[in-house]
Amino acid sequence: MPEFTEFAQARQAHLRRMAFLLCGNWHDAQDVAQTALMNLCRAWHRARRADSIDAYAHRVVVRAYLNQRRKVLRQQMRAEEYALASERVSGPDSGASQPELRVALLAALAQLAPRARAVVVLRFWEDLSVEATAEALGCSAGTVKSQTSRALSKLRAILGDSLFDEDEGERGPERHDGHGRAGTVDHNHRGGDDRLRTHEARRVATPRSGSSPRLRLAWETDDRS
């Protein structure tokens, strides 16, 4: 299937990075990404008729991740990730380096339930709307909102108040790929080199209640073998 091959070659790096944010390590992310691509290939006759092939691919990756997590009896984290997750993370001004902050954020994400983690990744890394996230997860928009609120509360409890910003509204992550914020990027399939490298993505997420503080997630995603 030349059409699927073209899509896979153009988007596999992006899907692999999405899988990494879900899984928290490259070994599991590689398995999830490969499983997702195989499942997408089998369902290509449906995917190619979807309104957005990227959105369809997101659903396939999330389902592959959730299926993997159901098979895992307990969550495994490396000792250094446990140590970083147990400490309150201070802001950049206190001397915490960006790589340390990134590892701590990934460790905090790993403490969320699989579906809650999927909600956070889809909403604040993929920059999907509530409705698009609900479609990807096969649930209602209300469920996405409630899971987002609970997930952000747990992340705040883990990471501390220093990553919360009371003054900024909700905005998409800043991508240093020449396209500005993620909200301005066409997420449909594009040919060529569409690596969407995110050297430093920042998201301010505002719970819908309006009274809750805003969580600023700053993470750096790099390909690792």
N, C-alpha and C. Protein backbone atom coordinates (compact mmCIF):
# COMPACT_ATOMS: atom_id res chain seq x y z
N MET A 1 0.84 -1.19 0.00
CA MET A 1 0.00 0.00 0.00
C MET A 1 0.88 1.25 0.00
N PRO A 2 1.16 1.80 -1.16
CA PRO A 2 2.05 2.97 -1.24
C PRO A 2 1.56 4.14 -0.40
N GLU A 3 0.23 4.33 -0.35
CA GLU A 3 -0.30 5.47 0.39
C GLU A 3 0.00 5.34 1.88
N PHE A 4 -0.19 4.13 2.44
CA PHE A 4 0.13 3.92 3.85
C PHE A 4 1.62 4.07 4.10
N THR A 5 2.43 3.52 3.21
CA THR A 5 3.89 3.62 3.36
C THR A 5 4.34 5.07 3.41
N GLU A 6 3.76 5.90 2.55
CA GLU A 6 4.11 7.32 2.54
C GLU A 6 3.73 7.98 3.86
N PHE A 7 2.52 7.67 4.36
CA PHE A 7 2.08 8.24 5.63
C PHE A 7 2.98 7.78 6.77
N ALA A 8 3.29 6.49 6.82
CA ALA A 8 4.11 5.95 7.91
C ALA A 8 5.50 6.57 7.92
N GLN A 9 6.09 6.73 6.76
CA GLN A 9 7.43 7.32 6.69
C GLN A 9 7.42 8.77 7.15
N ALA A 10 6.35 9.50 6.84
CA ALA A 10 6.27 10.92 7.20
C ALA A 10 5.92 11.13 8.67
N ARG A 11 5.16 10.22 9.27
CA ARG A 11 4.60 10.48 10.59
C ARG A 11 5.08 9.54 11.70
N GLN A 12 5.88 8.53 11.37
CA GLN A 12 6.24 7.56 12.40
C GLN A 12 7.05 8.19 13.53
N ALA A 13 7.91 9.16 13.23
CA ALA A 13 8.69 9.81 14.29
C ALA A 13 7.78 10.57 15.25
N HIS A 14 6.79 11.26 14.71
CA HIS A 14 5.84 12.00 15.55
C HIS A 14 5.02 11.03 16.41
N LEU A 15 4.53 9.95 15.82
CA LEU A 15 3.75 8.98 16.58
C LEU A 15 4.60 8.30 17.65
N ARG A 16 5.87 8.09 17.34
CA ARG A 16 6.77 7.48 18.32
C ARG A 16 6.99 8.41 19.51
N ARG A 17 7.13 9.71 19.24
CA ARG A 17 7.29 10.66 20.35
C ARG A 17 6.01 10.75 21.18
N MET A 18 4.87 10.67 20.53
CA MET A 18 3.61 10.64 21.27
C MET A 18 3.55 9.40 22.16
N ALA A 19 3.96 8.26 21.62
CA ALA A 19 3.99 7.02 22.41
C ALA A 19 4.95 7.14 23.59
N PHE A 20 6.06 7.86 23.39
CA PHE A 20 7.02 8.05 24.48
C PHE A 20 6.39 8.83 25.63
N LEU A 21 5.65 9.88 25.31
CA LEU A 21 4.99 10.65 26.35
C LEU A 21 3.96 9.81 27.09
N LEU A 22 3.32 8.89 26.40
CA LEU A 22 2.36 8.01 27.04
C LEU A 22 3.05 6.97 27.90
N CYS A 23 4.11 6.36 27.38
CA CYS A 23 4.76 5.24 28.06
C CYS A 23 5.81 5.68 29.08
N GLY A 24 6.49 6.78 28.81
CA GLY A 24 7.51 7.25 29.72
C GLY A 24 8.89 6.68 29.47
N ASN A 25 9.03 5.77 28.53
CA ASN A 25 10.35 5.24 28.19
C ASN A 25 10.33 4.81 26.73
N TRP A 26 11.51 4.82 26.12
CA TRP A 26 11.59 4.56 24.68
C TRP A 26 11.38 3.10 24.33
N HIS A 27 11.71 2.19 25.23
CA HIS A 27 11.53 0.76 24.93
C HIS A 27 10.05 0.44 24.72
N ASP A 28 9.21 0.82 25.70
CA ASP A 28 7.78 0.57 25.56
C ASP A 28 7.18 1.41 24.44
N ALA A 29 7.70 2.64 24.29
CA ALA A 29 7.17 3.51 23.23
C ALA A 29 7.38 2.90 21.85
N GLN A 30 8.54 2.28 21.65
CA GLN A 30 8.81 1.64 20.37
C GLN A 30 7.82 0.51 20.11
N ASP A 31 7.53 -0.29 21.16
CA ASP A 31 6.57 -1.38 21.01
C ASP A 31 5.18 -0.84 20.68
N VAL A 32 4.77 0.20 21.41
CA VAL A 32 3.45 0.78 21.18
C VAL A 32 3.36 1.38 19.78
N ALA A 33 4.39 2.10 19.36
CA ALA A 33 4.38 2.72 18.03
C ALA A 33 4.32 1.67 16.93
N GLN A 34 5.10 0.60 17.08
CA GLN A 34 5.09 -0.46 16.07
C GLN A 34 3.73 -1.15 16.02
N THR A 35 3.16 -1.44 17.21
CA THR A 35 1.84 -2.06 17.25
C THR A 35 0.80 -1.15 16.61
N ALA A 36 0.88 0.14 16.92
CA ALA A 36 -0.08 1.09 16.36
C ALA A 36 0.03 1.16 14.83
N LEU A 37 1.24 1.17 14.31
CA LEU A 37 1.42 1.23 12.86
C LEU A 37 0.90 -0.04 12.18
N MET A 38 1.12 -1.19 12.82
CA MET A 38 0.59 -2.44 12.26
C MET A 38 -0.93 -2.42 12.25
N ASN A 39 -1.53 -1.96 13.37
CA ASN A 39 -2.98 -1.88 13.44
C ASN A 39 -3.53 -0.87 12.44
N LEU A 40 -2.80 0.24 12.28
CA LEU A 40 -3.22 1.25 11.32
C LEU A 40 -3.15 0.71 9.90
N CYS A 41 -2.14 -0.08 9.61
CA CYS A 41 -2.01 -0.68 8.28
C CYS A 41 -3.19 -1.60 8.00
N ARG A 42 -3.56 -2.41 9.00
CA ARG A 42 -4.68 -3.33 8.82
C ARG A 42 -6.00 -2.57 8.60
N ALA A 43 -6.11 -1.41 9.23
CA ALA A 43 -7.36 -0.64 9.13
C ALA A 43 -7.23 0.53 8.16
N TRP A 44 -6.25 0.48 7.27
CA TRP A 44 -5.99 1.62 6.40
C TRP A 44 -7.18 1.95 5.51
N HIS A 45 -7.95 0.95 5.12
CA HIS A 45 -9.10 1.21 4.26
C HIS A 45 -10.12 2.10 4.98
N ARG A 46 -10.16 2.03 6.33
CA ARG A 46 -11.03 2.93 7.09
C ARG A 46 -10.32 4.25 7.39
N ALA A 47 -9.04 4.18 7.72
CA ALA A 47 -8.30 5.39 8.08
C ALA A 47 -8.26 6.38 6.93
N ARG A 48 -8.07 5.90 5.72
CA ARG A 48 -7.93 6.80 4.57
C ARG A 48 -9.24 7.52 4.25
N ARG A 49 -10.36 7.02 4.78
CA ARG A 49 -11.65 7.68 4.56
C ARG A 49 -12.02 8.61 5.72
N ALA A 50 -11.20 8.63 6.77
CA ALA A 50 -11.49 9.48 7.93
C ALA A 50 -11.30 10.95 7.57
N ASP A 51 -11.97 11.82 8.33
CA ASP A 51 -11.82 13.26 8.10
C ASP A 51 -10.37 13.70 8.29
N SER A 52 -9.70 13.10 9.27
CA SER A 52 -8.29 13.41 9.53
C SER A 52 -7.55 12.10 9.80
N ILE A 53 -6.60 11.78 8.95
CA ILE A 53 -5.82 10.55 9.15
C ILE A 53 -4.99 10.66 10.42
N ASP A 54 -4.48 11.86 10.71
CA ASP A 54 -3.72 12.05 11.94
C ASP A 54 -4.57 11.76 13.17
N ALA A 55 -5.79 12.27 13.19
CA ALA A 55 -6.68 12.02 14.33
C ALA A 55 -6.96 10.53 14.48
N TYR A 56 -7.16 9.85 13.36
CA TYR A 56 -7.37 8.40 13.40
C TYR A 56 -6.13 7.71 13.96
N ALA A 57 -4.95 8.15 13.52
CA ALA A 57 -3.70 7.56 14.02
C ALA A 57 -3.52 7.80 15.51
N HIS A 58 -3.91 8.98 15.99
CA HIS A 58 -3.85 9.26 17.43
C HIS A 58 -4.67 8.24 18.21
N ARG A 59 -5.87 7.95 17.72
CA ARG A 59 -6.73 6.98 18.40
C ARG A 59 -6.07 5.61 18.44
N VAL A 60 -5.46 5.22 17.34
CA VAL A 60 -4.81 3.91 17.27
C VAL A 60 -3.65 3.83 18.26
N VAL A 61 -2.86 4.91 18.37
CA VAL A 61 -1.74 4.92 19.31
C VAL A 61 -2.24 4.83 20.74
N VAL A 62 -3.26 5.60 21.08
CA VAL A 62 -3.80 5.58 22.44
C VAL A 62 -4.34 4.19 22.78
N ARG A 63 -5.03 3.58 21.86
CA ARG A 63 -5.58 2.24 22.13
C ARG A 63 -4.47 1.22 22.30
N ALA A 64 -3.42 1.34 21.49
CA ALA A 64 -2.29 0.42 21.64
C ALA A 64 -1.63 0.60 23.01
N TYR A 65 -1.51 1.84 23.45
CA TYR A 65 -0.93 2.11 24.77
C TYR A 65 -1.81 1.55 25.88
N LEU A 66 -3.12 1.81 25.82
CA LEU A 66 -4.01 1.32 26.87
C LEU A 66 -4.03 -0.20 26.91
N ASN A 67 -4.00 -0.84 25.76
CA ASN A 67 -3.95 -2.31 25.72
C ASN A 67 -2.67 -2.82 26.37
N GLN A 68 -1.56 -2.14 26.12
CA GLN A 68 -0.30 -2.55 26.74
C GLN A 68 -0.36 -2.40 28.26
N ARG A 69 -0.92 -1.28 28.73
CA ARG A 69 -0.98 -1.03 30.17
C ARG A 69 -1.88 -2.05 30.87
N ARG A 70 -2.90 -2.53 30.19
CA ARG A 70 -3.78 -3.53 30.81
C ARG A 70 -3.03 -4.83 31.07
N LYS A 71 -1.98 -5.08 30.29
CA LYS A 71 -1.21 -6.31 30.45
C LYS A 71 -0.14 -6.18 31.52
N VAL A 72 0.10 -4.98 31.97
CA VAL A 72 1.15 -4.76 32.96
C VAL A 72 0.54 -4.82 34.36
N LEU A 73 1.04 -5.70 35.21
CA LEU A 73 0.48 -5.88 36.54
C LEU A 73 0.88 -4.74 37.47
N ARG A 74 2.00 -4.23 37.29
CA ARG A 74 2.44 -3.11 38.11
C ARG A 74 3.33 -2.20 37.29
N GLN A 75 3.34 -0.97 37.67
CA GLN A 75 4.11 0.03 36.93
C GLN A 75 5.56 -0.01 37.38
N GLN A 76 6.45 0.06 36.41
CA GLN A 76 7.87 0.02 36.72
C GLN A 76 8.49 1.37 36.38
N MET A 77 9.17 1.89 37.33
CA MET A 77 9.89 3.14 37.13
C MET A 77 11.32 2.98 37.60
N ARG A 78 12.23 3.62 36.95
CA ARG A 78 13.62 3.56 37.35
C ARG A 78 13.82 4.32 38.65
N ALA A 79 14.85 3.94 39.37
CA ALA A 79 15.09 4.52 40.69
C ALA A 79 15.24 6.04 40.62
N GLU A 80 15.91 6.53 39.60
CA GLU A 80 16.10 7.97 39.51
C GLU A 80 14.81 8.69 39.21
N GLU A 81 13.90 8.04 38.48
CA GLU A 81 12.61 8.66 38.21
C GLU A 81 11.78 8.73 39.48
N TYR A 82 11.84 7.68 40.31
CA TYR A 82 11.15 7.72 41.59
C TYR A 82 11.66 8.87 42.44
N ALA A 83 12.99 9.03 42.47
CA ALA A 83 13.57 10.08 43.31
C ALA A 83 13.13 11.46 42.84
N LEU A 84 13.15 11.65 41.53
CA LEU A 84 12.75 12.96 41.00
C LEU A 84 11.26 13.21 41.20
N ALA A 85 10.45 12.16 41.06
CA ALA A 85 9.01 12.32 41.20
C ALA A 85 8.62 12.63 42.63
N SER A 86 9.41 12.18 43.60
CA SER A 86 9.07 12.37 45.00
C SER A 86 9.44 13.74 45.51
N GLU A 87 10.26 14.48 44.75
CA GLU A 87 10.70 15.80 45.17
C GLU A 87 9.81 16.87 44.55
N ARG A 88 9.62 17.92 45.28
CA ARG A 88 8.93 19.09 44.73
C ARG A 88 9.83 19.74 43.70
N VAL A 89 9.27 20.01 42.55
CA VAL A 89 10.07 20.58 41.48
C VAL A 89 9.97 22.09 41.54
N SER A 90 11.10 22.75 41.64
CA SER A 90 11.10 24.21 41.67
C SER A 90 11.20 24.75 40.26
N GLY A 91 10.90 26.04 40.10
CA GLY A 91 10.92 26.66 38.78
C GLY A 91 12.33 26.84 38.28
N PRO A 92 12.48 27.27 37.03
CA PRO A 92 13.80 27.46 36.44
C PRO A 92 14.67 28.45 37.20
N ASP A 93 14.06 29.44 37.85
CA ASP A 93 14.85 30.45 38.56
C ASP A 93 15.60 29.89 39.75
N SER A 94 15.16 28.73 40.28
CA SER A 94 15.80 28.17 41.46
C SER A 94 17.00 27.31 41.10
N GLY A 95 17.27 27.17 39.80
CA GLY A 95 18.45 26.42 39.40
C GLY A 95 18.15 25.06 38.83
N ALA A 96 16.89 24.64 38.81
CA ALA A 96 16.55 23.34 38.23
C ALA A 96 16.77 23.41 36.73
N SER A 97 17.57 22.51 36.20
CA SER A 97 17.87 22.53 34.77
C SER A 97 16.69 21.99 33.99
N GLN A 98 16.60 22.37 32.72
CA GLN A 98 15.49 21.93 31.88
C GLN A 98 15.44 20.41 31.74
N PRO A 99 16.57 19.71 31.54
CA PRO A 99 16.50 18.24 31.47
C PRO A 99 15.95 17.63 32.76
N GLU A 100 16.34 18.16 33.92
CA GLU A 100 15.82 17.64 35.19
C GLU A 100 14.32 17.86 35.28
N LEU A 101 13.87 19.03 34.84
CA LEU A 101 12.45 19.34 34.87
C LEU A 101 11.69 18.40 33.95
N ARG A 102 12.27 18.15 32.78
CA ARG A 102 11.63 17.24 31.83
C ARG A 102 11.48 15.85 32.41
N VAL A 103 12.53 15.32 33.03
CA VAL A 103 12.47 13.98 33.62
C VAL A 103 11.44 13.93 34.73
N ALA A 104 11.40 14.99 35.56
CA ALA A 104 10.43 15.03 36.65
C ALA A 104 9.00 15.06 36.13
N LEU A 105 8.77 15.80 35.05
CA LEU A 105 7.44 15.85 34.46
C LEU A 105 7.03 14.50 33.90
N LEU A 106 7.97 13.82 33.24
CA LEU A 106 7.66 12.50 32.71
C LEU A 106 7.38 11.52 33.84
N ALA A 107 8.14 11.64 34.93
CA ALA A 107 7.91 10.77 36.08
C ALA A 107 6.55 11.05 36.70
N ALA A 108 6.16 12.32 36.75
CA ALA A 108 4.85 12.68 37.28
C ALA A 108 3.74 12.13 36.39
N LEU A 109 3.91 12.24 35.08
CA LEU A 109 2.93 11.68 34.15
C LEU A 109 2.79 10.18 34.35
N ALA A 110 3.90 9.51 34.67
CA ALA A 110 3.88 8.06 34.84
C ALA A 110 3.05 7.65 36.05
N GLN A 111 2.81 8.57 36.98
CA GLN A 111 2.02 8.24 38.16
C GLN A 111 0.52 8.37 37.93
N LEU A 112 0.14 8.92 36.78
CA LEU A 112 -1.27 9.00 36.45
C LEU A 112 -1.77 7.65 35.94
N ALA A 113 -3.05 7.40 36.11
CA ALA A 113 -3.66 6.22 35.50
C ALA A 113 -3.52 6.32 33.98
N PRO A 114 -3.44 5.19 33.29
CA PRO A 114 -3.21 5.23 31.84
C PRO A 114 -4.17 6.13 31.08
N ARG A 115 -5.47 6.06 31.38
CA ARG A 115 -6.42 6.89 30.63
C ARG A 115 -6.26 8.37 30.97
N ALA A 116 -5.97 8.67 32.24
CA ALA A 116 -5.74 10.07 32.62
C ALA A 116 -4.50 10.61 31.93
N ARG A 117 -3.48 9.78 31.84
CA ARG A 117 -2.26 10.19 31.16
C ARG A 117 -2.53 10.44 29.68
N ALA A 118 -3.34 9.58 29.08
CA ALA A 118 -3.70 9.76 27.68
C ALA A 118 -4.43 11.09 27.48
N VAL A 119 -5.33 11.43 28.40
CA VAL A 119 -6.05 12.70 28.32
C VAL A 119 -5.08 13.88 28.34
N VAL A 120 -4.12 13.85 29.27
CA VAL A 120 -3.16 14.95 29.39
C VAL A 120 -2.31 15.08 28.13
N VAL A 121 -1.83 13.95 27.61
CA VAL A 121 -0.99 13.99 26.41
C VAL A 121 -1.77 14.51 25.21
N LEU A 122 -2.99 14.02 25.02
CA LEU A 122 -3.79 14.46 23.88
C LEU A 122 -4.18 15.93 23.99
N ARG A 123 -4.54 16.37 25.20
CA ARG A 123 -4.98 17.76 25.36
C ARG A 123 -3.83 18.76 25.30
N PHE A 124 -2.70 18.42 25.96
CA PHE A 124 -1.68 19.44 26.17
C PHE A 124 -0.38 19.20 25.42
N TRP A 125 -0.22 18.06 24.77
CA TRP A 125 0.91 17.89 23.86
C TRP A 125 0.43 17.87 22.43
N GLU A 126 -0.61 17.06 22.15
CA GLU A 126 -1.19 17.06 20.81
C GLU A 126 -2.05 18.29 20.58
N ASP A 127 -2.42 19.00 21.67
CA ASP A 127 -3.21 20.23 21.58
C ASP A 127 -4.58 19.98 20.95
N LEU A 128 -5.18 18.84 21.28
CA LEU A 128 -6.51 18.52 20.77
C LEU A 128 -7.57 19.22 21.61
N SER A 129 -8.70 19.49 21.01
CA SER A 129 -9.82 20.05 21.74
C SER A 129 -10.43 18.98 22.64
N VAL A 130 -11.32 19.42 23.55
CA VAL A 130 -12.02 18.46 24.41
C VAL A 130 -12.78 17.45 23.55
N GLU A 131 -13.45 17.96 22.52
CA GLU A 131 -14.27 17.08 21.67
C GLU A 131 -13.40 16.08 20.91
N ALA A 132 -12.27 16.55 20.37
CA ALA A 132 -11.38 15.64 19.63
C ALA A 132 -10.76 14.60 20.56
N THR A 133 -10.44 15.01 21.78
CA THR A 133 -9.90 14.06 22.76
C THR A 133 -10.95 13.02 23.12
N ALA A 134 -12.18 13.46 23.30
CA ALA A 134 -13.27 12.52 23.61
C ALA A 134 -13.46 11.51 22.49
N GLU A 135 -13.36 11.99 21.25
CA GLU A 135 -13.49 11.08 20.10
C GLU A 135 -12.36 10.06 20.08
N ALA A 136 -11.14 10.53 20.37
CA ALA A 136 -9.98 9.64 20.35
C ALA A 136 -10.08 8.56 21.42
N LEU A 137 -10.65 8.92 22.58
CA LEU A 137 -10.73 7.98 23.69
C LEU A 137 -12.05 7.22 23.74
N GLY A 138 -12.99 7.60 22.88
CA GLY A 138 -14.27 6.91 22.87
C GLY A 138 -15.10 7.19 24.11
N CYS A 139 -15.09 8.44 24.58
CA CYS A 139 -15.86 8.80 25.76
C CYS A 139 -16.52 10.15 25.52
N SER A 140 -17.26 10.65 26.52
CA SER A 140 -17.95 11.93 26.37
C SER A 140 -17.03 13.10 26.67
N ALA A 141 -17.42 14.28 26.20
CA ALA A 141 -16.65 15.49 26.48
C ALA A 141 -16.62 15.77 27.98
N GLY A 142 -17.73 15.48 28.67
CA GLY A 142 -17.78 15.68 30.11
C GLY A 142 -16.77 14.81 30.84
N THR A 143 -16.60 13.58 30.35
CA THR A 143 -15.61 12.68 30.96
C THR A 143 -14.21 13.22 30.77
N VAL A 144 -13.92 13.75 29.58
CA VAL A 144 -12.60 14.34 29.33
C VAL A 144 -12.35 15.51 30.27
N LYS A 145 -13.35 16.37 30.45
CA LYS A 145 -13.18 17.53 31.33
C LYS A 145 -12.91 17.11 32.77
N SER A 146 -13.69 16.13 33.26
CA SER A 146 -13.50 15.70 34.65
C SER A 146 -12.16 15.00 34.83
N GLN A 147 -11.76 14.17 33.85
CA GLN A 147 -10.47 13.49 33.96
C GLN A 147 -9.31 14.48 33.86
N THR A 148 -9.48 15.51 33.03
CA THR A 148 -8.45 16.55 32.93
C THR A 148 -8.28 17.27 34.26
N SER A 149 -9.39 17.64 34.87
CA SER A 149 -9.34 18.35 36.15
C SER A 149 -8.66 17.51 37.22
N ARG A 150 -9.02 16.22 37.31
CA ARG A 150 -8.41 15.35 38.32
C ARG A 150 -6.93 15.13 38.03
N ALA A 151 -6.59 14.96 36.75
CA ALA A 151 -5.19 14.73 36.39
C ALA A 151 -4.33 15.94 36.72
N LEU A 152 -4.82 17.14 36.41
CA LEU A 152 -4.06 18.35 36.72
C LEU A 152 -3.90 18.54 38.22
N SER A 153 -4.93 18.19 38.98
CA SER A 153 -4.83 18.29 40.44
C SER A 153 -3.75 17.35 40.97
N LYS A 154 -3.70 16.14 40.42
CA LYS A 154 -2.68 15.19 40.88
C LYS A 154 -1.29 15.65 40.47
N LEU A 155 -1.15 16.16 39.25
CA LEU A 155 0.15 16.67 38.82
C LEU A 155 0.61 17.83 39.70
N ARG A 156 -0.34 18.67 40.09
CA ARG A 156 0.04 19.78 40.97
C ARG A 156 0.50 19.26 42.33
N ALA A 157 -0.18 18.24 42.84
CA ALA A 157 0.22 17.67 44.12
C ALA A 157 1.63 17.08 44.05
N ILE A 158 1.98 16.52 42.89
CA ILE A 158 3.30 15.91 42.73
C ILE A 158 4.38 16.96 42.50
N LEU A 159 4.08 17.93 41.64
CA LEU A 159 5.09 18.87 41.18
C LEU A 159 5.18 20.15 41.99
N GLY A 160 4.14 20.46 42.76
CA GLY A 160 4.17 21.67 43.57
C GLY A 160 3.63 22.88 42.83
N ASP A 161 3.50 23.99 43.56
CA ASP A 161 2.86 25.18 43.01
C ASP A 161 3.74 25.96 42.05
N SER A 162 5.03 25.67 42.01
CA SER A 162 5.94 26.50 41.22
C SER A 162 5.69 26.38 39.72
N LEU A 163 5.01 25.32 39.30
CA LEU A 163 4.71 25.16 37.87
C LEU A 163 3.34 25.69 37.51
N PHE A 164 2.67 26.35 38.46
CA PHE A 164 1.36 26.90 38.21
C PHE A 164 1.44 28.40 38.01
N ASP A 165 0.68 28.90 37.06
CA ASP A 165 0.72 30.31 36.70
C ASP A 165 -0.69 30.87 36.81
N GLU A 166 -0.87 31.84 37.67
CA GLU A 166 -2.20 32.41 37.88
C GLU A 166 -2.56 33.47 36.83
N ASP A 167 -1.57 33.93 36.06
CA ASP A 167 -1.80 35.10 35.23
C ASP A 167 -2.03 34.80 33.76
N GLU A 168 -1.72 33.57 33.32
CA GLU A 168 -1.81 33.29 31.90
C GLU A 168 -3.01 32.43 31.60
N GLY A 169 -3.58 32.59 30.42
CA GLY A 169 -4.71 31.78 30.00
C GLY A 169 -4.24 30.55 29.27
N GLU A 170 -5.20 29.77 28.78
CA GLU A 170 -4.85 28.53 28.10
C GLU A 170 -4.29 28.83 26.73
N ARG A 171 -3.20 28.15 26.38
CA ARG A 171 -2.61 28.32 25.06
C ARG A 171 -1.90 27.05 24.65
N GLY A 172 -1.68 26.92 23.37
CA GLY A 172 -1.02 25.72 22.87
C GLY A 172 0.46 25.77 23.10
N PRO A 173 1.14 24.62 22.99
CA PRO A 173 2.58 24.60 23.18
C PRO A 173 3.30 25.35 22.08
N GLU A 174 4.40 25.97 22.46
CA GLU A 174 5.21 26.68 21.49
C GLU A 174 6.13 25.70 20.79
N ARG A 175 5.98 25.57 19.49
CA ARG A 175 6.81 24.63 18.74
C ARG A 175 7.81 25.41 17.92
N HIS A 176 9.08 25.05 18.07
CA HIS A 176 10.14 25.75 17.37
C HIS A 176 10.39 25.08 16.02
N ASP A 177 9.33 25.07 15.19
CA ASP A 177 9.46 24.44 13.88
C ASP A 177 9.04 25.40 12.78
N GLY A 178 8.93 26.68 13.15
CA GLY A 178 8.57 27.67 12.14
C GLY A 178 7.09 27.85 11.95
N HIS A 179 6.27 27.15 12.75
CA HIS A 179 4.82 27.24 12.58
C HIS A 179 4.15 27.98 13.72
N GLY A 180 4.91 28.47 14.70
CA GLY A 180 4.29 29.17 15.82
C GLY A 180 3.68 28.18 16.78
N ARG A 181 2.57 28.56 17.40
CA ARG A 181 1.93 27.70 18.37
C ARG A 181 1.23 26.54 17.68
N ALA A 182 1.04 25.48 18.47
CA ALA A 182 0.47 24.27 17.88
C ALA A 182 -0.91 24.51 17.32
N GLY A 183 -1.64 25.46 17.90
CA GLY A 183 -2.99 25.72 17.42
C GLY A 183 -3.02 26.24 16.00
N THR A 184 -1.89 26.71 15.48
CA THR A 184 -1.85 27.24 14.13
C THR A 184 -1.30 26.24 13.13
N VAL A 185 -0.94 25.07 13.59
CA VAL A 185 -0.34 24.08 12.71
C VAL A 185 -1.41 23.20 12.10
N ASP A 186 -1.32 22.94 10.82
CA ASP A 186 -2.22 22.00 10.17
C ASP A 186 -1.80 20.60 10.56
N HIS A 187 -2.65 19.90 11.35
CA HIS A 187 -2.28 18.58 11.84
C HIS A 187 -2.61 17.47 10.83
N ASN A 188 -3.21 17.82 9.67
CA ASN A 188 -3.46 16.80 8.67
C ASN A 188 -2.14 16.34 8.06
N HIS A 189 -2.19 15.23 7.38
CA HIS A 189 -0.97 14.64 6.81
C HIS A 189 -0.33 15.59 5.81
N ARG A 190 0.98 15.74 5.96
CA ARG A 190 1.76 16.52 5.01
C ARG A 190 2.96 15.70 4.60
N GLY A 191 3.34 15.83 3.36
CA GLY A 191 4.52 15.11 2.89
C GLY A 191 5.78 15.80 3.34
N GLY A 192 6.92 15.20 3.00
CA GLY A 192 8.20 15.81 3.32
C GLY A 192 8.59 15.60 4.76
N ASP A 193 9.54 16.41 5.20
CA ASP A 193 10.09 16.27 6.54
C ASP A 193 9.22 17.02 7.52
N ASP A 194 8.33 16.32 8.21
CA ASP A 194 7.41 16.93 9.17
C ASP A 194 7.72 16.38 10.54
N ARG A 195 8.89 16.67 11.03
CA ARG A 195 9.35 16.05 12.27
C ARG A 195 8.71 16.67 13.50
N LEU A 196 8.21 17.92 13.38
CA LEU A 196 7.59 18.60 14.51
C LEU A 196 8.44 18.47 15.76
N ARG A 197 9.72 18.75 15.64
CA ARG A 197 10.60 18.64 16.81
C ARG A 197 10.22 19.68 17.83
N THR A 198 10.01 19.26 19.04
CA THR A 198 9.65 20.15 20.12
C THR A 198 10.81 20.20 21.08
N HIS A 199 11.69 21.20 20.92
CA HIS A 199 12.85 21.30 21.79
C HIS A 199 12.44 21.78 23.17
N GLU A 200 11.44 22.64 23.23
CA GLU A 200 10.98 23.11 24.53
C GLU A 200 9.55 23.54 24.38
N ALA A 201 8.62 22.68 24.82
CA ALA A 201 7.20 22.97 24.66
C ALA A 201 6.63 23.38 26.00
N ARG A 202 5.86 24.46 25.99
CA ARG A 202 5.28 24.93 27.23
C ARG A 202 3.78 25.03 27.06
N ARG A 203 3.07 24.56 28.06
CA ARG A 203 1.61 24.59 28.00
C ARG A 203 1.06 25.13 29.31
N VAL A 204 0.15 26.05 29.22
CA VAL A 204 -0.56 26.50 30.41
C VAL A 204 -1.97 25.97 30.30
N ALA A 205 -2.35 25.10 31.21
CA ALA A 205 -3.64 24.43 31.15
C ALA A 205 -4.55 25.00 32.22
N THR A 206 -5.72 25.46 31.84
CA THR A 206 -6.64 26.06 32.77
C THR A 206 -7.83 25.14 32.98
N PRO A 207 -8.02 24.56 34.18
CA PRO A 207 -9.21 23.77 34.45
C PRO A 207 -10.45 24.60 34.22
N ARG A 208 -11.53 23.97 33.77
CA ARG A 208 -12.71 24.69 33.36
C ARG A 208 -13.44 25.37 34.51
N SER A 209 -13.13 25.00 35.75
CA SER A 209 -13.82 25.61 36.88
C SER A 209 -13.54 27.10 36.97
N GLY A 210 -12.42 27.54 36.45
CA GLY A 210 -12.08 28.95 36.46
C GLY A 210 -11.41 29.40 37.74
N SER A 211 -11.57 28.64 38.83
CA SER A 211 -10.99 29.05 40.10
C SER A 211 -9.70 28.31 40.41
N SER A 212 -9.42 27.26 39.67
CA SER A 212 -8.23 26.47 39.94
C SER A 212 -7.01 27.15 39.35
N PRO A 213 -5.82 26.96 39.95
CA PRO A 213 -4.60 27.54 39.40
C PRO A 213 -4.24 26.88 38.09
N ARG A 214 -3.38 27.52 37.35
CA ARG A 214 -2.99 27.01 36.04
C ARG A 214 -1.66 26.28 36.14
N LEU A 215 -1.61 25.14 35.53
CA LEU A 215 -0.39 24.34 35.55
C LEU A 215 0.42 24.58 34.30
N ARG A 216 1.66 24.93 34.48
CA ARG A 216 2.56 25.10 33.33
C ARG A 216 3.44 23.87 33.23
N LEU A 217 3.29 23.16 32.13
CA LEU A 217 4.14 22.02 31.85
C LEU A 217 5.18 22.44 30.84
N ALA A 218 6.42 22.25 31.17
CA ALA A 218 7.51 22.54 30.23
C ALA A 218 8.29 21.27 30.03
N TRP A 219 8.23 20.71 28.86
CA TRP A 219 8.98 19.49 28.63
C TRP A 219 9.73 19.57 27.32
N GLU A 220 10.74 18.76 27.24
CA GLU A 220 11.58 18.69 26.05
C GLU A 220 11.55 17.26 25.58
N THR A 221 11.22 17.04 24.32
CA THR A 221 11.17 15.69 23.78
C THR A 221 12.23 15.53 22.72
N ASP A 222 13.09 14.56 22.93
CA ASP A 222 14.15 14.25 21.97
C ASP A 222 14.08 12.79 21.62
N ASP A 223 14.40 12.45 20.40
CA ASP A 223 14.49 11.05 20.00
C ASP A 223 15.66 10.40 20.70
N ARG A 224 15.43 9.23 21.23
CA ARG A 224 16.51 8.45 21.83
C ARG A 224 16.40 7.03 21.33
N SER A 225 17.51 6.42 21.14
CA SER A 225 17.50 5.04 20.68
C SER A 225 17.71 4.12 21.85
